Amino acid sequence: MGTFVEVAKENDLGEGEGKTVQANGKAIALYKKGGAFYALDNTCLHAGGPLGEGTLDGELVTCPLHGWQYHLKTGACETVPGMEVAVYKVKTENGKVFVEV
């Protein structure tokens, strides 16, 4: 079991927006969808692109480098089935966003 680390404020992201955050030295892609926050590994499995700088369409995060897509909630790669990036538990408290690492 990991430790929850504060990575952002709730109002740092608008609906459908993402950003790269740091938690204990690890780069994590943080997205806001449906008022909830989701976190997945920031590194695309194809060429190491920054998923936190990608775009969100529905529940798919698209890497800005070559368009590989990952499911926001599971980390499953839609481009190459069977591959996946790690996802992290997220919680919010008092306007702050925490990710478990």
N, C-alpha and C. Protein backbone atom coordinates (compact mmCIF):
# COMPACT_ATOMS: atom_id res chain seq x y z
N MET A 1 0.85 -1.18 0.00
CA MET A 1 0.00 0.00 0.00
C MET A 1 0.89 1.24 0.00
N GLY A 2 0.57 2.19 -0.84
CA GLY A 2 1.36 3.40 -0.99
C GLY A 2 0.95 4.50 -0.04
N THR A 3 1.51 5.65 -0.29
CA THR A 3 1.22 6.85 0.48
C THR A 3 0.55 7.87 -0.41
N PHE A 4 -0.47 8.54 0.09
CA PHE A 4 -1.12 9.59 -0.69
C PHE A 4 -0.29 10.86 -0.60
N VAL A 5 0.01 11.44 -1.76
CA VAL A 5 0.83 12.64 -1.88
C VAL A 5 0.01 13.73 -2.55
N GLU A 6 0.04 14.94 -2.00
CA GLU A 6 -0.67 16.06 -2.64
C GLU A 6 0.03 16.42 -3.94
N VAL A 7 -0.75 16.52 -5.02
CA VAL A 7 -0.18 16.82 -6.33
C VAL A 7 -0.78 18.06 -6.99
N ALA A 8 -1.94 18.51 -6.52
CA ALA A 8 -2.60 19.65 -7.16
C ALA A 8 -3.73 20.15 -6.28
N LYS A 9 -4.29 21.27 -6.68
CA LYS A 9 -5.52 21.80 -6.09
C LYS A 9 -6.66 21.42 -7.04
N GLU A 10 -7.84 21.22 -6.50
CA GLU A 10 -8.98 20.82 -7.33
C GLU A 10 -9.24 21.80 -8.47
N ASN A 11 -9.02 23.09 -8.23
CA ASN A 11 -9.33 24.09 -9.26
C ASN A 11 -8.17 24.31 -10.23
N ASP A 12 -7.09 23.51 -10.12
CA ASP A 12 -5.99 23.60 -11.08
C ASP A 12 -6.38 23.07 -12.46
N LEU A 13 -7.38 22.20 -12.50
CA LEU A 13 -7.82 21.60 -13.76
C LEU A 13 -9.29 21.88 -14.01
N GLY A 14 -9.59 22.23 -15.25
CA GLY A 14 -10.98 22.34 -15.67
C GLY A 14 -11.47 20.99 -16.15
N GLU A 15 -12.74 20.87 -16.36
CA GLU A 15 -13.33 19.62 -16.85
C GLU A 15 -12.68 19.22 -18.18
N GLY A 16 -12.22 17.96 -18.26
CA GLY A 16 -11.61 17.43 -19.48
C GLY A 16 -10.15 17.80 -19.67
N GLU A 17 -9.58 18.52 -18.71
CA GLU A 17 -8.17 18.94 -18.82
C GLU A 17 -7.25 17.96 -18.12
N GLY A 18 -5.99 17.96 -18.56
CA GLY A 18 -4.96 17.14 -17.94
C GLY A 18 -3.70 17.94 -17.72
N LYS A 19 -2.83 17.41 -16.88
CA LYS A 19 -1.54 18.02 -16.66
C LYS A 19 -0.61 16.97 -16.07
N THR A 20 0.67 17.25 -16.18
CA THR A 20 1.67 16.38 -15.57
C THR A 20 1.97 16.89 -14.17
N VAL A 21 1.94 15.99 -13.20
CA VAL A 21 2.25 16.34 -11.82
C VAL A 21 3.35 15.40 -11.32
N GLN A 22 3.95 15.77 -10.21
CA GLN A 22 5.01 14.96 -9.61
C GLN A 22 4.54 14.44 -8.26
N ALA A 23 4.80 13.15 -8.00
CA ALA A 23 4.48 12.55 -6.71
C ALA A 23 5.67 11.68 -6.31
N ASN A 24 6.39 12.12 -5.30
CA ASN A 24 7.57 11.39 -4.84
C ASN A 24 8.55 11.12 -5.99
N GLY A 25 8.75 12.11 -6.85
CA GLY A 25 9.70 12.00 -7.95
C GLY A 25 9.18 11.27 -9.17
N LYS A 26 7.94 10.85 -9.16
CA LYS A 26 7.34 10.12 -10.29
C LYS A 26 6.42 11.05 -11.07
N ALA A 27 6.60 11.08 -12.39
CA ALA A 27 5.73 11.90 -13.25
C ALA A 27 4.42 11.15 -13.49
N ILE A 28 3.32 11.84 -13.21
CA ILE A 28 1.98 11.25 -13.32
C ILE A 28 1.09 12.18 -14.13
N ALA A 29 0.29 11.58 -15.01
CA ALA A 29 -0.69 12.34 -15.79
C ALA A 29 -1.98 12.40 -14.97
N LEU A 30 -2.43 13.60 -14.68
CA LEU A 30 -3.64 13.81 -13.88
C LEU A 30 -4.70 14.43 -14.77
N TYR A 31 -5.90 13.84 -14.78
CA TYR A 31 -7.01 14.33 -15.60
C TYR A 31 -8.25 14.50 -14.75
N LYS A 32 -9.11 15.44 -15.19
CA LYS A 32 -10.41 15.66 -14.53
C LYS A 32 -11.50 15.31 -15.53
N LYS A 33 -12.37 14.39 -15.13
CA LYS A 33 -13.45 13.93 -16.00
C LYS A 33 -14.69 13.71 -15.14
N GLY A 34 -15.79 14.34 -15.51
CA GLY A 34 -17.03 14.17 -14.77
C GLY A 34 -16.92 14.63 -13.33
N GLY A 35 -16.06 15.62 -13.09
CA GLY A 35 -15.86 16.15 -11.75
C GLY A 35 -14.93 15.32 -10.88
N ALA A 36 -14.49 14.15 -11.38
CA ALA A 36 -13.57 13.29 -10.65
C ALA A 36 -12.17 13.39 -11.25
N PHE A 37 -11.18 12.99 -10.47
CA PHE A 37 -9.80 13.04 -10.92
C PHE A 37 -9.28 11.62 -11.14
N TYR A 38 -8.45 11.47 -12.17
CA TYR A 38 -7.86 10.19 -12.52
C TYR A 38 -6.37 10.39 -12.76
N ALA A 39 -5.58 9.38 -12.38
CA ALA A 39 -4.13 9.48 -12.53
C ALA A 39 -3.59 8.22 -13.19
N LEU A 40 -2.71 8.42 -14.16
CA LEU A 40 -2.04 7.31 -14.81
C LEU A 40 -0.59 7.67 -15.06
N ASP A 41 0.22 6.66 -15.32
CA ASP A 41 1.62 6.92 -15.58
C ASP A 41 1.74 7.91 -16.72
N ASN A 42 2.66 8.83 -16.60
CA ASN A 42 2.79 9.91 -17.58
C ASN A 42 3.51 9.49 -18.86
N THR A 43 4.15 8.32 -18.87
CA THR A 43 5.00 7.93 -19.99
C THR A 43 4.30 6.97 -20.95
N CYS A 44 4.11 7.41 -22.18
CA CYS A 44 3.53 6.57 -23.23
C CYS A 44 4.47 5.40 -23.50
N LEU A 45 3.91 4.22 -23.71
CA LEU A 45 4.69 3.01 -23.95
C LEU A 45 5.33 2.98 -25.33
N HIS A 46 4.88 3.81 -26.24
CA HIS A 46 5.42 3.81 -27.59
C HIS A 46 6.76 4.52 -27.68
N ALA A 47 6.79 5.81 -27.36
CA ALA A 47 8.02 6.58 -27.51
C ALA A 47 8.28 7.49 -26.30
N GLY A 48 7.61 7.18 -25.19
CA GLY A 48 7.86 7.94 -23.97
C GLY A 48 7.21 9.31 -23.92
N GLY A 49 6.22 9.55 -24.75
CA GLY A 49 5.54 10.84 -24.78
C GLY A 49 4.85 11.16 -23.46
N PRO A 50 4.65 12.44 -23.18
CA PRO A 50 4.04 12.87 -21.92
C PRO A 50 2.51 12.82 -21.97
N LEU A 51 1.92 11.80 -21.39
CA LEU A 51 0.46 11.64 -21.44
C LEU A 51 -0.28 12.79 -20.76
N GLY A 52 0.35 13.44 -19.81
CA GLY A 52 -0.26 14.58 -19.14
C GLY A 52 -0.45 15.77 -20.06
N GLU A 53 0.24 15.78 -21.19
CA GLU A 53 0.10 16.84 -22.19
C GLU A 53 -0.79 16.40 -23.35
N GLY A 54 -1.39 15.22 -23.20
CA GLY A 54 -2.26 14.70 -24.26
C GLY A 54 -3.65 15.32 -24.21
N THR A 55 -4.54 14.74 -24.97
CA THR A 55 -5.92 15.20 -25.00
C THR A 55 -6.84 14.10 -24.49
N LEU A 56 -7.97 14.51 -23.95
CA LEU A 56 -8.96 13.57 -23.43
C LEU A 56 -10.19 13.63 -24.31
N ASP A 57 -10.58 12.47 -24.83
CA ASP A 57 -11.78 12.36 -25.64
C ASP A 57 -12.60 11.22 -25.04
N GLY A 58 -13.69 11.57 -24.38
CA GLY A 58 -14.45 10.55 -23.66
C GLY A 58 -13.60 10.05 -22.51
N GLU A 59 -13.26 8.76 -22.55
CA GLU A 59 -12.40 8.19 -21.51
C GLU A 59 -11.05 7.78 -22.07
N LEU A 60 -10.68 8.33 -23.23
CA LEU A 60 -9.40 7.98 -23.85
C LEU A 60 -8.44 9.16 -23.81
N VAL A 61 -7.23 8.90 -23.30
CA VAL A 61 -6.15 9.87 -23.30
C VAL A 61 -5.31 9.58 -24.54
N THR A 62 -5.07 10.61 -25.36
CA THR A 62 -4.27 10.44 -26.56
C THR A 62 -2.91 11.10 -26.37
N CYS A 63 -1.85 10.33 -26.58
CA CYS A 63 -0.49 10.84 -26.45
C CYS A 63 -0.25 11.91 -27.51
N PRO A 64 0.38 13.03 -27.13
CA PRO A 64 0.60 14.11 -28.08
C PRO A 64 1.67 13.82 -29.14
N LEU A 65 2.49 12.79 -28.93
CA LEU A 65 3.56 12.53 -29.89
C LEU A 65 3.09 11.75 -31.12
N HIS A 66 2.50 10.58 -30.89
CA HIS A 66 2.14 9.73 -32.03
C HIS A 66 0.72 9.19 -31.98
N GLY A 67 -0.09 9.70 -31.05
CA GLY A 67 -1.51 9.36 -31.04
C GLY A 67 -1.90 8.06 -30.38
N TRP A 68 -1.00 7.41 -29.67
CA TRP A 68 -1.41 6.21 -28.95
C TRP A 68 -2.45 6.59 -27.91
N GLN A 69 -3.43 5.70 -27.69
CA GLN A 69 -4.52 6.01 -26.77
C GLN A 69 -4.58 5.04 -25.61
N TYR A 70 -4.92 5.59 -24.44
CA TYR A 70 -5.00 4.81 -23.21
C TYR A 70 -6.32 5.11 -22.51
N HIS A 71 -6.92 4.07 -21.93
CA HIS A 71 -8.17 4.25 -21.20
C HIS A 71 -7.86 4.95 -19.88
N LEU A 72 -8.57 6.01 -19.62
CA LEU A 72 -8.35 6.87 -18.46
C LEU A 72 -8.44 6.10 -17.13
N LYS A 73 -9.39 5.20 -17.02
CA LYS A 73 -9.64 4.54 -15.74
C LYS A 73 -8.84 3.25 -15.54
N THR A 74 -8.44 2.60 -16.63
CA THR A 74 -7.75 1.31 -16.49
C THR A 74 -6.30 1.34 -16.95
N GLY A 75 -5.91 2.34 -17.75
CA GLY A 75 -4.57 2.41 -18.29
C GLY A 75 -4.36 1.51 -19.50
N ALA A 76 -5.40 0.77 -19.89
CA ALA A 76 -5.28 -0.15 -21.04
C ALA A 76 -5.02 0.63 -22.32
N CYS A 77 -4.07 0.14 -23.10
CA CYS A 77 -3.74 0.77 -24.37
C CYS A 77 -4.75 0.34 -25.42
N GLU A 78 -5.43 1.30 -26.01
CA GLU A 78 -6.41 1.01 -27.06
C GLU A 78 -5.72 0.79 -28.40
N THR A 79 -4.52 1.32 -28.56
CA THR A 79 -3.78 1.23 -29.82
C THR A 79 -3.18 -0.16 -30.00
N VAL A 80 -2.61 -0.70 -28.92
CA VAL A 80 -2.02 -2.04 -28.94
C VAL A 80 -2.60 -2.82 -27.76
N PRO A 81 -3.68 -3.57 -28.01
CA PRO A 81 -4.32 -4.33 -26.94
C PRO A 81 -3.30 -5.23 -26.22
N GLY A 82 -3.47 -5.32 -24.91
CA GLY A 82 -2.59 -6.14 -24.10
C GLY A 82 -1.51 -5.33 -23.40
N MET A 83 -1.30 -4.10 -23.82
CA MET A 83 -0.34 -3.22 -23.16
C MET A 83 -1.12 -2.27 -22.26
N GLU A 84 -0.49 -1.80 -21.20
CA GLU A 84 -1.16 -0.84 -20.32
C GLU A 84 -0.14 -0.05 -19.51
N VAL A 85 -0.55 1.15 -19.12
CA VAL A 85 0.25 1.97 -18.20
C VAL A 85 -0.39 1.85 -16.82
N ALA A 86 0.40 2.13 -15.81
CA ALA A 86 -0.11 2.05 -14.44
C ALA A 86 -1.13 3.15 -14.18
N VAL A 87 -2.12 2.84 -13.36
CA VAL A 87 -3.07 3.84 -12.88
C VAL A 87 -2.91 3.93 -11.37
N TYR A 88 -3.28 5.07 -10.83
CA TYR A 88 -3.08 5.34 -9.41
C TYR A 88 -4.39 5.77 -8.76
N LYS A 89 -4.56 5.41 -7.50
CA LYS A 89 -5.73 5.86 -6.74
C LYS A 89 -5.60 7.36 -6.49
N VAL A 90 -6.75 8.03 -6.55
CA VAL A 90 -6.80 9.48 -6.33
C VAL A 90 -7.88 9.77 -5.30
N LYS A 91 -7.60 10.74 -4.44
CA LYS A 91 -8.63 11.21 -3.50
C LYS A 91 -8.52 12.73 -3.42
N THR A 92 -9.62 13.35 -3.02
CA THR A 92 -9.63 14.79 -2.82
C THR A 92 -10.07 15.08 -1.39
N GLU A 93 -9.45 16.09 -0.80
CA GLU A 93 -9.79 16.53 0.56
C GLU A 93 -9.53 18.02 0.66
N ASN A 94 -10.50 18.75 1.13
CA ASN A 94 -10.34 20.19 1.38
C ASN A 94 -9.77 20.94 0.18
N GLY A 95 -10.26 20.60 -1.02
CA GLY A 95 -9.84 21.29 -2.23
C GLY A 95 -8.49 20.87 -2.79
N LYS A 96 -7.91 19.82 -2.21
CA LYS A 96 -6.61 19.32 -2.66
C LYS A 96 -6.75 17.95 -3.28
N VAL A 97 -5.88 17.65 -4.26
CA VAL A 97 -5.89 16.36 -4.95
C VAL A 97 -4.67 15.57 -4.52
N PHE A 98 -4.90 14.31 -4.12
CA PHE A 98 -3.83 13.42 -3.67
C PHE A 98 -3.80 12.18 -4.54
N VAL A 99 -2.58 11.70 -4.84
CA VAL A 99 -2.39 10.48 -5.60
C VAL A 99 -1.60 9.50 -4.74
N GLU A 100 -2.01 8.23 -4.77
CA GLU A 100 -1.32 7.20 -4.00
C GLU A 100 -0.16 6.63 -4.81
N VAL A 101 1.05 6.76 -4.28
CA VAL A 101 2.24 6.20 -4.94
C VAL A 101 3.01 5.33 -3.97
